[in-house]
């Protein structure tokens, strides 16, 4: 289950980086006219997405978990698209549309038997759905940045929890 721990750590870290920025922590523009923090965040998000795409292959080929690979693939699509949009300065509304769609697909994972009734996994699916709906609302100007930043920090902290449990082979509540 180490690969699943790595997945949780990876997308929690992606959420943390943008959440901290939206809360205004480290969000100052450079004085020397260099690249702003969104450029760097874009690269981080792109790497998260590419890493998740690699994990999809591992989930299918090695772990035999194609259902989980499907949702991780959608997360990879989001993080790759988001990273590229931030790096290039593109319009984020299409990324918001992707986020909304992923929110719709992630929500049922809390109720299907994919997570074998494990509360932490099920609650993560619900929190990620809320986060993706929030991202969509934010990109269309319907949600305040600080509110979304708070949601993403909560998602990050709650996402790190199963990563820690899985990494040390502890029983997950």
N, C-alpha and C. Protein backbone atom coordinates (compact mmCIF):
# COMPACT_ATOMS: atom_id res chain seq x y z
N UNK A 1 0.81 -1.21 0.00
CA UNK A 1 0.00 0.00 0.00
C UNK A 1 0.85 1.27 0.00
N UNK A 2 2.17 1.10 -0.11
CA UNK A 2 3.04 2.27 -0.13
C UNK A 2 2.71 3.17 -1.31
N UNK A 3 2.35 2.58 -2.45
CA UNK A 3 2.02 3.40 -3.61
C UNK A 3 0.79 4.27 -3.34
N UNK A 4 -0.19 3.75 -2.59
CA UNK A 4 -1.36 4.54 -2.23
C UNK A 4 -0.96 5.65 -1.26
N UNK A 5 -0.04 5.35 -0.35
CA UNK A 5 0.46 6.38 0.58
C UNK A 5 1.12 7.51 -0.20
N UNK A 6 1.90 7.16 -1.20
CA UNK A 6 2.58 8.16 -2.03
C UNK A 6 1.55 9.01 -2.77
N UNK A 7 0.48 8.39 -3.25
CA UNK A 7 -0.57 9.13 -3.95
C UNK A 7 -1.21 10.15 -3.01
N UNK A 8 -1.59 9.71 -1.81
CA UNK A 8 -2.21 10.64 -0.86
C UNK A 8 -1.26 11.78 -0.50
N UNK A 9 -0.01 11.45 -0.26
CA UNK A 9 0.97 12.49 0.07
C UNK A 9 1.11 13.47 -1.10
N UNK A 10 1.14 12.96 -2.32
CA UNK A 10 1.34 13.81 -3.49
C UNK A 10 0.19 14.76 -3.69
N UNK A 11 -1.08 14.26 -3.71
CA UNK A 11 -2.11 15.25 -3.96
C UNK A 11 -2.42 16.12 -2.76
N UNK A 12 -2.10 15.68 -1.57
CA UNK A 12 -2.24 16.56 -0.41
C UNK A 12 -1.22 17.70 -0.49
N UNK A 13 -0.02 17.39 -0.94
CA UNK A 13 1.01 18.42 -1.09
C UNK A 13 0.63 19.42 -2.18
N UNK A 14 0.06 18.93 -3.28
CA UNK A 14 -0.42 19.83 -4.33
C UNK A 14 -1.48 20.78 -3.81
N UNK A 15 -2.39 20.27 -2.97
CA UNK A 15 -3.44 21.11 -2.38
C UNK A 15 -2.83 22.11 -1.40
N UNK A 16 -1.86 21.67 -0.62
CA UNK A 16 -1.23 22.53 0.37
C UNK A 16 -0.56 23.74 -0.29
N UNK A 17 0.18 23.50 -1.36
CA UNK A 17 0.94 24.57 -2.01
C UNK A 17 0.01 25.67 -2.51
N UNK A 18 -1.06 25.31 -3.17
CA UNK A 18 -1.97 26.35 -3.68
C UNK A 18 -2.82 26.93 -2.55
N UNK A 19 -3.16 26.11 -1.54
CA UNK A 19 -3.92 26.62 -0.41
C UNK A 19 -3.18 27.70 0.35
N UNK A 20 -1.91 27.47 0.61
CA UNK A 20 -1.07 28.45 1.31
C UNK A 20 -1.00 29.74 0.50
N UNK A 21 -0.83 29.61 -0.81
CA UNK A 21 -0.77 30.80 -1.67
C UNK A 21 -2.09 31.59 -1.60
N UNK A 22 -3.22 30.89 -1.70
CA UNK A 22 -4.51 31.57 -1.68
C UNK A 22 -4.80 32.25 -0.35
N UNK A 23 -4.20 31.74 0.71
CA UNK A 23 -4.35 32.39 2.02
C UNK A 23 -3.43 33.60 2.15
N UNK A 24 -2.57 33.81 1.16
CA UNK A 24 -1.70 34.98 1.17
C UNK A 24 -0.35 34.75 1.80
N UNK A 25 -0.03 33.51 2.10
CA UNK A 25 1.26 33.19 2.72
C UNK A 25 2.28 32.98 1.60
N UNK A 26 3.28 33.82 1.54
CA UNK A 26 4.29 33.71 0.49
C UNK A 26 3.79 34.15 -0.87
N UNK A 27 2.77 34.99 -0.89
CA UNK A 27 2.15 35.38 -2.15
C UNK A 27 2.66 36.70 -2.70
N UNK A 28 3.69 37.26 -2.09
CA UNK A 28 4.22 38.54 -2.56
C UNK A 28 4.87 38.39 -3.93
N UNK A 29 4.63 39.36 -4.76
CA UNK A 29 5.27 39.37 -6.07
C UNK A 29 6.73 39.78 -5.91
N UNK A 30 7.61 39.25 -6.73
CA UNK A 30 9.04 39.60 -6.60
C UNK A 30 9.27 41.06 -6.96
N UNK A 31 10.19 41.69 -6.23
CA UNK A 31 10.50 43.10 -6.47
C UNK A 31 11.38 43.32 -7.68
N UNK A 32 12.14 42.30 -8.05
CA UNK A 32 13.10 42.47 -9.15
C UNK A 32 12.50 42.23 -10.53
N UNK A 33 11.19 42.08 -10.61
CA UNK A 33 10.55 41.86 -11.90
C UNK A 33 10.64 40.42 -12.38
N UNK A 34 11.05 39.51 -11.50
CA UNK A 34 11.16 38.10 -11.87
C UNK A 34 9.80 37.43 -11.90
N UNK A 35 9.84 36.14 -12.04
CA UNK A 35 8.60 35.35 -12.07
C UNK A 35 7.92 35.39 -10.71
N UNK A 36 6.61 35.47 -10.73
CA UNK A 36 5.85 35.47 -9.49
C UNK A 36 5.66 34.08 -8.94
N UNK A 37 5.09 33.98 -7.73
CA UNK A 37 4.91 32.67 -7.10
C UNK A 37 3.99 31.73 -7.89
N UNK A 38 3.05 32.26 -8.65
CA UNK A 38 2.16 31.38 -9.41
C UNK A 38 2.91 30.58 -10.46
N UNK A 39 3.98 31.15 -10.98
CA UNK A 39 4.80 30.44 -11.96
C UNK A 39 5.44 29.21 -11.31
N UNK A 40 6.00 29.40 -10.14
CA UNK A 40 6.62 28.29 -9.41
C UNK A 40 5.57 27.27 -8.97
N UNK A 41 4.44 27.77 -8.49
CA UNK A 41 3.35 26.88 -8.09
C UNK A 41 2.88 26.07 -9.30
N UNK A 42 2.84 26.69 -10.46
CA UNK A 42 2.45 25.98 -11.67
C UNK A 42 3.36 24.80 -11.95
N UNK A 43 4.65 25.00 -11.79
CA UNK A 43 5.60 23.91 -12.00
C UNK A 43 5.41 22.80 -10.96
N UNK A 44 5.15 23.19 -9.72
CA UNK A 44 4.92 22.20 -8.67
C UNK A 44 3.67 21.38 -8.99
N UNK A 45 2.60 22.06 -9.38
CA UNK A 45 1.35 21.38 -9.71
C UNK A 45 1.52 20.46 -10.92
N UNK A 46 2.30 20.89 -11.90
CA UNK A 46 2.56 20.07 -13.08
C UNK A 46 3.32 18.80 -12.69
N UNK A 47 4.32 18.95 -11.84
CA UNK A 47 5.08 17.77 -11.38
C UNK A 47 4.17 16.83 -10.59
N UNK A 48 3.30 17.38 -9.74
CA UNK A 48 2.34 16.55 -9.00
C UNK A 48 1.49 15.76 -9.99
N UNK A 49 0.98 16.43 -11.02
CA UNK A 49 0.14 15.75 -12.01
C UNK A 49 0.89 14.66 -12.76
N UNK A 50 2.12 14.93 -13.16
CA UNK A 50 2.90 13.93 -13.87
C UNK A 50 3.22 12.74 -12.96
N UNK A 51 3.51 13.03 -11.71
CA UNK A 51 3.79 11.96 -10.75
C UNK A 51 2.55 11.10 -10.54
N UNK A 52 1.38 11.73 -10.45
CA UNK A 52 0.13 10.98 -10.30
C UNK A 52 -0.14 10.13 -11.54
N UNK A 53 0.18 10.66 -12.72
CA UNK A 53 0.00 9.89 -13.95
C UNK A 53 0.85 8.62 -13.91
N UNK A 54 2.06 8.74 -13.40
CA UNK A 54 2.92 7.56 -13.24
C UNK A 54 2.30 6.57 -12.25
N UNK A 55 1.72 7.09 -11.18
CA UNK A 55 1.08 6.23 -10.19
C UNK A 55 -0.11 5.46 -10.78
N UNK A 56 -0.79 6.05 -11.77
CA UNK A 56 -1.89 5.35 -12.44
C UNK A 56 -1.37 4.06 -13.07
N UNK A 57 -0.24 4.14 -13.73
CA UNK A 57 0.35 2.94 -14.34
C UNK A 57 0.69 1.90 -13.28
N UNK A 58 1.23 2.35 -12.17
CA UNK A 58 1.57 1.42 -11.09
C UNK A 58 0.31 0.77 -10.51
N UNK A 59 -0.75 1.57 -10.33
CA UNK A 59 -2.00 1.03 -9.78
C UNK A 59 -2.61 -0.03 -10.68
N UNK A 60 -2.51 0.18 -11.98
CA UNK A 60 -3.10 -0.78 -12.92
C UNK A 60 -2.21 -2.00 -13.10
N UNK A 61 -0.95 -1.76 -13.40
CA UNK A 61 -0.05 -2.85 -13.78
C UNK A 61 0.49 -3.64 -12.60
N UNK A 62 0.77 -2.99 -11.49
CA UNK A 62 1.40 -3.67 -10.36
C UNK A 62 0.38 -4.03 -9.28
N UNK A 63 -0.42 -3.05 -8.87
CA UNK A 63 -1.33 -3.27 -7.75
C UNK A 63 -2.66 -3.88 -8.16
N UNK A 64 -3.01 -3.82 -9.44
CA UNK A 64 -4.28 -4.36 -9.89
C UNK A 64 -5.49 -3.63 -9.34
N UNK A 65 -5.40 -2.30 -9.25
CA UNK A 65 -6.50 -1.47 -8.72
C UNK A 65 -6.99 -0.49 -9.79
N UNK A 66 -7.65 -1.00 -10.84
CA UNK A 66 -8.04 -0.11 -11.93
C UNK A 66 -9.07 0.95 -11.55
N UNK A 67 -9.96 0.66 -10.60
CA UNK A 67 -10.96 1.65 -10.20
C UNK A 67 -10.28 2.84 -9.53
N UNK A 68 -9.38 2.56 -8.62
CA UNK A 68 -8.63 3.63 -7.96
C UNK A 68 -7.77 4.37 -8.98
N UNK A 69 -7.21 3.64 -9.93
CA UNK A 69 -6.40 4.27 -10.98
C UNK A 69 -7.22 5.27 -11.78
N UNK A 70 -8.50 4.97 -11.98
CA UNK A 70 -9.37 5.88 -12.73
C UNK A 70 -9.50 7.25 -12.08
N UNK A 71 -9.76 7.26 -10.77
CA UNK A 71 -9.91 8.55 -10.09
C UNK A 71 -8.57 9.25 -9.96
N UNK A 72 -7.49 8.50 -9.74
CA UNK A 72 -6.16 9.12 -9.67
C UNK A 72 -5.81 9.71 -11.03
N UNK A 73 -6.21 9.06 -12.11
CA UNK A 73 -5.99 9.60 -13.45
C UNK A 73 -6.70 10.93 -13.65
N UNK A 74 -7.91 11.05 -13.11
CA UNK A 74 -8.62 12.33 -13.20
C UNK A 74 -7.91 13.42 -12.40
N UNK A 75 -7.41 13.05 -11.22
CA UNK A 75 -6.64 14.01 -10.42
C UNK A 75 -5.40 14.44 -11.19
N UNK A 76 -4.74 13.48 -11.85
CA UNK A 76 -3.55 13.80 -12.64
C UNK A 76 -3.90 14.79 -13.75
N UNK A 77 -5.03 14.55 -14.42
CA UNK A 77 -5.48 15.47 -15.47
C UNK A 77 -5.65 16.88 -14.91
N UNK A 78 -6.28 16.98 -13.75
CA UNK A 78 -6.47 18.29 -13.14
C UNK A 78 -5.14 18.97 -12.84
N UNK A 79 -4.25 18.27 -12.12
CA UNK A 79 -2.99 18.90 -11.71
C UNK A 79 -2.12 19.26 -12.91
N UNK A 80 -2.12 18.43 -13.95
CA UNK A 80 -1.35 18.77 -15.16
C UNK A 80 -1.94 20.00 -15.83
N UNK A 81 -3.25 20.03 -16.00
CA UNK A 81 -3.91 21.18 -16.64
C UNK A 81 -3.72 22.45 -15.83
N UNK A 82 -3.87 22.33 -14.52
CA UNK A 82 -3.72 23.48 -13.63
C UNK A 82 -2.29 24.01 -13.68
N UNK A 83 -1.33 23.11 -13.63
CA UNK A 83 0.08 23.52 -13.69
C UNK A 83 0.40 24.24 -14.99
N UNK A 84 -0.03 23.68 -16.10
CA UNK A 84 0.24 24.31 -17.40
C UNK A 84 -0.44 25.67 -17.49
N UNK A 85 -1.68 25.77 -17.00
CA UNK A 85 -2.38 27.06 -17.03
C UNK A 85 -1.66 28.12 -16.20
N UNK A 86 -1.15 27.73 -15.04
CA UNK A 86 -0.42 28.70 -14.21
C UNK A 86 0.91 29.11 -14.84
N UNK A 87 1.61 28.15 -15.41
CA UNK A 87 2.91 28.44 -16.04
C UNK A 87 2.74 29.38 -17.23
N UNK A 88 1.71 29.14 -18.02
CA UNK A 88 1.52 29.93 -19.25
C UNK A 88 0.66 31.17 -19.04
N UNK A 89 0.03 31.29 -17.87
CA UNK A 89 -0.84 32.43 -17.62
C UNK A 89 -2.18 32.31 -18.33
N UNK A 90 -2.59 31.10 -18.65
CA UNK A 90 -3.84 30.88 -19.38
C UNK A 90 -5.06 31.09 -18.47
N UNK A 91 -6.21 31.18 -19.08
CA UNK A 91 -7.48 31.32 -18.39
C UNK A 91 -7.73 30.07 -17.55
N UNK A 92 -8.09 30.24 -16.30
CA UNK A 92 -8.30 29.11 -15.39
C UNK A 92 -9.73 28.55 -15.45
N UNK A 93 -10.63 29.22 -16.15
CA UNK A 93 -12.01 28.71 -16.17
C UNK A 93 -12.14 27.32 -16.77
N UNK A 94 -11.43 26.98 -17.86
CA UNK A 94 -11.51 25.59 -18.33
C UNK A 94 -10.99 24.58 -17.30
N UNK A 95 -9.99 24.98 -16.54
CA UNK A 95 -9.49 24.11 -15.46
C UNK A 95 -10.56 23.97 -14.39
N UNK A 96 -11.30 25.04 -14.14
CA UNK A 96 -12.42 24.97 -13.20
C UNK A 96 -13.50 24.02 -13.67
N UNK A 97 -13.74 23.99 -14.98
CA UNK A 97 -14.72 23.05 -15.53
C UNK A 97 -14.24 21.61 -15.33
N UNK A 98 -12.94 21.38 -15.51
CA UNK A 98 -12.38 20.04 -15.26
C UNK A 98 -12.55 19.70 -13.78
N UNK A 99 -12.28 20.67 -12.90
CA UNK A 99 -12.40 20.45 -11.46
C UNK A 99 -13.83 20.08 -11.09
N UNK A 100 -14.80 20.76 -11.67
CA UNK A 100 -16.20 20.46 -11.37
C UNK A 100 -16.54 19.02 -11.76
N UNK A 101 -16.09 18.62 -12.93
CA UNK A 101 -16.35 17.25 -13.40
C UNK A 101 -15.70 16.22 -12.48
N UNK A 102 -14.47 16.48 -12.06
CA UNK A 102 -13.79 15.55 -11.16
C UNK A 102 -14.50 15.50 -9.81
N UNK A 103 -15.00 16.65 -9.36
CA UNK A 103 -15.77 16.66 -8.12
C UNK A 103 -16.98 15.74 -8.20
N UNK A 104 -17.64 15.74 -9.36
CA UNK A 104 -18.78 14.86 -9.56
C UNK A 104 -18.37 13.38 -9.51
N UNK A 105 -17.23 13.07 -10.09
CA UNK A 105 -16.76 11.68 -10.11
C UNK A 105 -16.18 11.24 -8.77
N UNK A 106 -15.57 12.15 -8.03
CA UNK A 106 -14.93 11.79 -6.76
C UNK A 106 -15.96 11.55 -5.66
N UNK A 107 -17.07 12.26 -5.68
CA UNK A 107 -18.08 12.16 -4.63
C UNK A 107 -18.56 10.72 -4.41
N UNK A 108 -18.95 9.99 -5.45
CA UNK A 108 -19.45 8.62 -5.22
C UNK A 108 -18.42 7.66 -4.63
N UNK A 109 -17.13 7.97 -4.77
CA UNK A 109 -16.11 7.09 -4.21
C UNK A 109 -16.25 6.96 -2.70
N UNK A 110 -16.87 7.94 -2.06
CA UNK A 110 -17.07 7.86 -0.62
C UNK A 110 -18.09 6.79 -0.26
N UNK A 111 -18.94 6.42 -1.21
CA UNK A 111 -20.05 5.54 -0.90
C UNK A 111 -19.95 4.16 -1.55
N UNK A 112 -19.07 4.03 -2.53
CA UNK A 112 -18.86 2.73 -3.15
C UNK A 112 -17.92 1.90 -2.28
N UNK A 113 -17.79 0.66 -2.60
CA UNK A 113 -16.99 -0.24 -1.79
C UNK A 113 -15.49 -0.17 -2.11
N UNK A 114 -15.08 0.82 -2.87
CA UNK A 114 -13.67 0.95 -3.27
C UNK A 114 -12.76 1.05 -2.05
N UNK A 115 -13.20 1.77 -1.03
CA UNK A 115 -12.37 2.01 0.15
C UNK A 115 -12.70 1.08 1.31
N UNK A 116 -13.50 0.05 1.06
CA UNK A 116 -13.82 -0.97 2.08
C UNK A 116 -14.33 -0.38 3.38
N UNK A 117 -15.09 0.70 3.31
CA UNK A 117 -15.67 1.30 4.51
C UNK A 117 -14.70 2.02 5.42
N UNK A 118 -13.50 2.33 4.94
CA UNK A 118 -12.50 3.02 5.76
C UNK A 118 -12.83 4.52 5.79
N UNK A 119 -13.15 5.01 6.98
CA UNK A 119 -13.63 6.39 7.14
C UNK A 119 -12.67 7.43 6.56
N UNK A 120 -11.39 7.30 6.84
CA UNK A 120 -10.42 8.31 6.39
C UNK A 120 -10.41 8.39 4.86
N UNK A 121 -10.47 7.26 4.19
CA UNK A 121 -10.50 7.27 2.72
C UNK A 121 -11.81 7.87 2.21
N UNK A 122 -12.93 7.44 2.81
CA UNK A 122 -14.23 7.95 2.37
C UNK A 122 -14.34 9.46 2.60
N UNK A 123 -13.90 9.92 3.75
CA UNK A 123 -13.98 11.36 4.04
C UNK A 123 -13.05 12.15 3.12
N UNK A 124 -11.91 11.56 2.73
CA UNK A 124 -11.02 12.22 1.78
C UNK A 124 -11.73 12.42 0.44
N UNK A 125 -12.48 11.42 0.00
CA UNK A 125 -13.22 11.55 -1.26
C UNK A 125 -14.23 12.70 -1.19
N UNK A 126 -14.91 12.81 -0.05
CA UNK A 126 -15.88 13.89 0.12
C UNK A 126 -15.18 15.25 0.16
N UNK A 127 -14.09 15.35 0.93
CA UNK A 127 -13.35 16.62 1.02
C UNK A 127 -12.79 17.04 -0.34
N UNK A 128 -12.25 16.08 -1.09
CA UNK A 128 -11.74 16.42 -2.42
C UNK A 128 -12.86 16.89 -3.35
N UNK A 129 -14.03 16.27 -3.24
CA UNK A 129 -15.17 16.73 -4.05
C UNK A 129 -15.51 18.17 -3.72
N UNK A 130 -15.59 18.47 -2.42
CA UNK A 130 -15.88 19.84 -2.00
C UNK A 130 -14.79 20.78 -2.52
N UNK A 131 -13.53 20.36 -2.42
CA UNK A 131 -12.43 21.20 -2.91
C UNK A 131 -12.54 21.43 -4.42
N UNK A 132 -12.85 20.39 -5.18
CA UNK A 132 -12.96 20.56 -6.62
C UNK A 132 -14.14 21.46 -6.99
N UNK A 133 -15.27 21.33 -6.28
CA UNK A 133 -16.39 22.24 -6.53
C UNK A 133 -15.97 23.67 -6.16
N UNK A 134 -15.21 23.82 -5.08
CA UNK A 134 -14.71 25.13 -4.68
C UNK A 134 -13.76 25.73 -5.72
N UNK A 135 -12.90 24.90 -6.28
CA UNK A 135 -11.98 25.37 -7.33
C UNK A 135 -12.77 25.86 -8.53
N UNK A 136 -13.79 25.11 -8.91
CA UNK A 136 -14.64 25.53 -10.03
C UNK A 136 -15.30 26.88 -9.72
N UNK A 137 -15.86 27.01 -8.53
CA UNK A 137 -16.51 28.26 -8.14
C UNK A 137 -15.51 29.41 -8.12
N UNK A 138 -14.31 29.16 -7.62
CA UNK A 138 -13.28 30.20 -7.56
C UNK A 138 -12.88 30.67 -8.96
N UNK A 139 -12.69 29.73 -9.88
CA UNK A 139 -12.24 30.12 -11.23
C UNK A 139 -13.30 30.91 -11.97
N UNK A 140 -14.55 30.77 -11.55
CA UNK A 140 -15.63 31.54 -12.18
C UNK A 140 -16.03 32.75 -11.33
N UNK A 141 -15.20 33.08 -10.33
CA UNK A 141 -15.41 34.28 -9.53
C UNK A 141 -16.53 34.17 -8.51
N UNK A 142 -16.92 32.97 -8.12
CA UNK A 142 -18.03 32.78 -7.20
C UNK A 142 -17.60 32.40 -5.78
N UNK A 143 -16.29 32.27 -5.54
CA UNK A 143 -15.80 31.89 -4.22
C UNK A 143 -14.55 32.70 -3.91
N UNK A 144 -14.48 33.20 -2.69
CA UNK A 144 -13.35 33.98 -2.21
C UNK A 144 -12.09 33.11 -2.13
N UNK A 145 -10.94 33.70 -2.48
CA UNK A 145 -9.67 32.97 -2.49
C UNK A 145 -9.30 32.43 -1.11
N UNK A 146 -9.54 33.20 -0.06
CA UNK A 146 -9.17 32.75 1.28
C UNK A 146 -10.04 31.56 1.73
N UNK A 147 -11.29 31.55 1.34
CA UNK A 147 -12.15 30.41 1.67
C UNK A 147 -11.63 29.15 0.97
N UNK A 148 -11.33 29.28 -0.32
CA UNK A 148 -10.78 28.14 -1.05
C UNK A 148 -9.44 27.72 -0.47
N UNK A 149 -8.61 28.68 -0.10
CA UNK A 149 -7.32 28.36 0.52
C UNK A 149 -7.51 27.55 1.80
N UNK A 150 -8.48 27.94 2.62
CA UNK A 150 -8.77 27.19 3.84
C UNK A 150 -9.26 25.78 3.55
N UNK A 151 -10.12 25.64 2.56
CA UNK A 151 -10.60 24.31 2.16
C UNK A 151 -9.43 23.45 1.71
N UNK A 152 -8.55 24.00 0.90
CA UNK A 152 -7.42 23.23 0.39
C UNK A 152 -6.43 22.85 1.50
N UNK A 153 -6.25 23.71 2.49
CA UNK A 153 -5.39 23.33 3.62
C UNK A 153 -6.01 22.19 4.42
N UNK A 154 -7.31 22.24 4.62
CA UNK A 154 -7.99 21.16 5.31
C UNK A 154 -7.84 19.85 4.53
N UNK A 155 -8.03 19.92 3.22
CA UNK A 155 -7.86 18.75 2.35
C UNK A 155 -6.43 18.22 2.45
N UNK A 156 -5.46 19.12 2.46
CA UNK A 156 -4.05 18.70 2.54
C UNK A 156 -3.77 17.98 3.86
N UNK A 157 -4.18 18.56 4.96
CA UNK A 157 -3.92 17.96 6.27
C UNK A 157 -4.62 16.60 6.37
N UNK A 158 -5.88 16.54 5.96
CA UNK A 158 -6.63 15.29 6.02
C UNK A 158 -6.07 14.27 5.01
N UNK A 159 -5.49 14.74 3.92
CA UNK A 159 -4.89 13.85 2.93
C UNK A 159 -3.56 13.28 3.39
N UNK A 160 -2.83 14.02 4.21
CA UNK A 160 -1.57 13.50 4.73
C UNK A 160 -1.81 12.40 5.75
N UNK A 161 -2.98 12.43 6.42
CA UNK A 161 -3.28 11.45 7.45
C UNK A 161 -3.19 10.00 6.94
N UNK A 162 -3.91 9.63 5.87
CA UNK A 162 -3.76 8.24 5.40
C UNK A 162 -2.36 7.94 4.88
N UNK A 163 -1.69 8.95 4.37
CA UNK A 163 -0.32 8.73 3.88
C UNK A 163 0.59 8.29 5.04
N UNK A 164 0.42 8.92 6.19
CA UNK A 164 1.23 8.56 7.35
C UNK A 164 0.85 7.16 7.84
N UNK A 165 -0.45 6.90 7.98
CA UNK A 165 -0.89 5.57 8.42
C UNK A 165 -0.36 4.47 7.50
N UNK A 166 -0.51 4.66 6.19
CA UNK A 166 -0.06 3.65 5.24
C UNK A 166 1.47 3.48 5.24
N UNK A 167 2.17 4.57 5.43
CA UNK A 167 3.64 4.53 5.41
C UNK A 167 4.22 3.71 6.56
N UNK A 168 3.52 3.73 7.69
CA UNK A 168 4.02 2.99 8.86
C UNK A 168 3.25 1.70 9.11
N UNK A 169 2.46 1.28 8.12
CA UNK A 169 1.68 0.04 8.21
C UNK A 169 0.75 0.01 9.43
N UNK A 170 0.20 1.17 9.79
CA UNK A 170 -0.74 1.24 10.91
C UNK A 170 -2.16 1.01 10.40
N UNK A 171 -3.05 0.64 11.31
CA UNK A 171 -4.46 0.44 10.96
C UNK A 171 -5.08 1.81 10.75
N UNK A 172 -5.79 1.96 9.64
CA UNK A 172 -6.41 3.25 9.30
C UNK A 172 -7.83 3.27 9.85
N UNK A 173 -8.19 4.32 10.60
CA UNK A 173 -9.56 4.40 11.15
C UNK A 173 -10.60 4.60 10.06
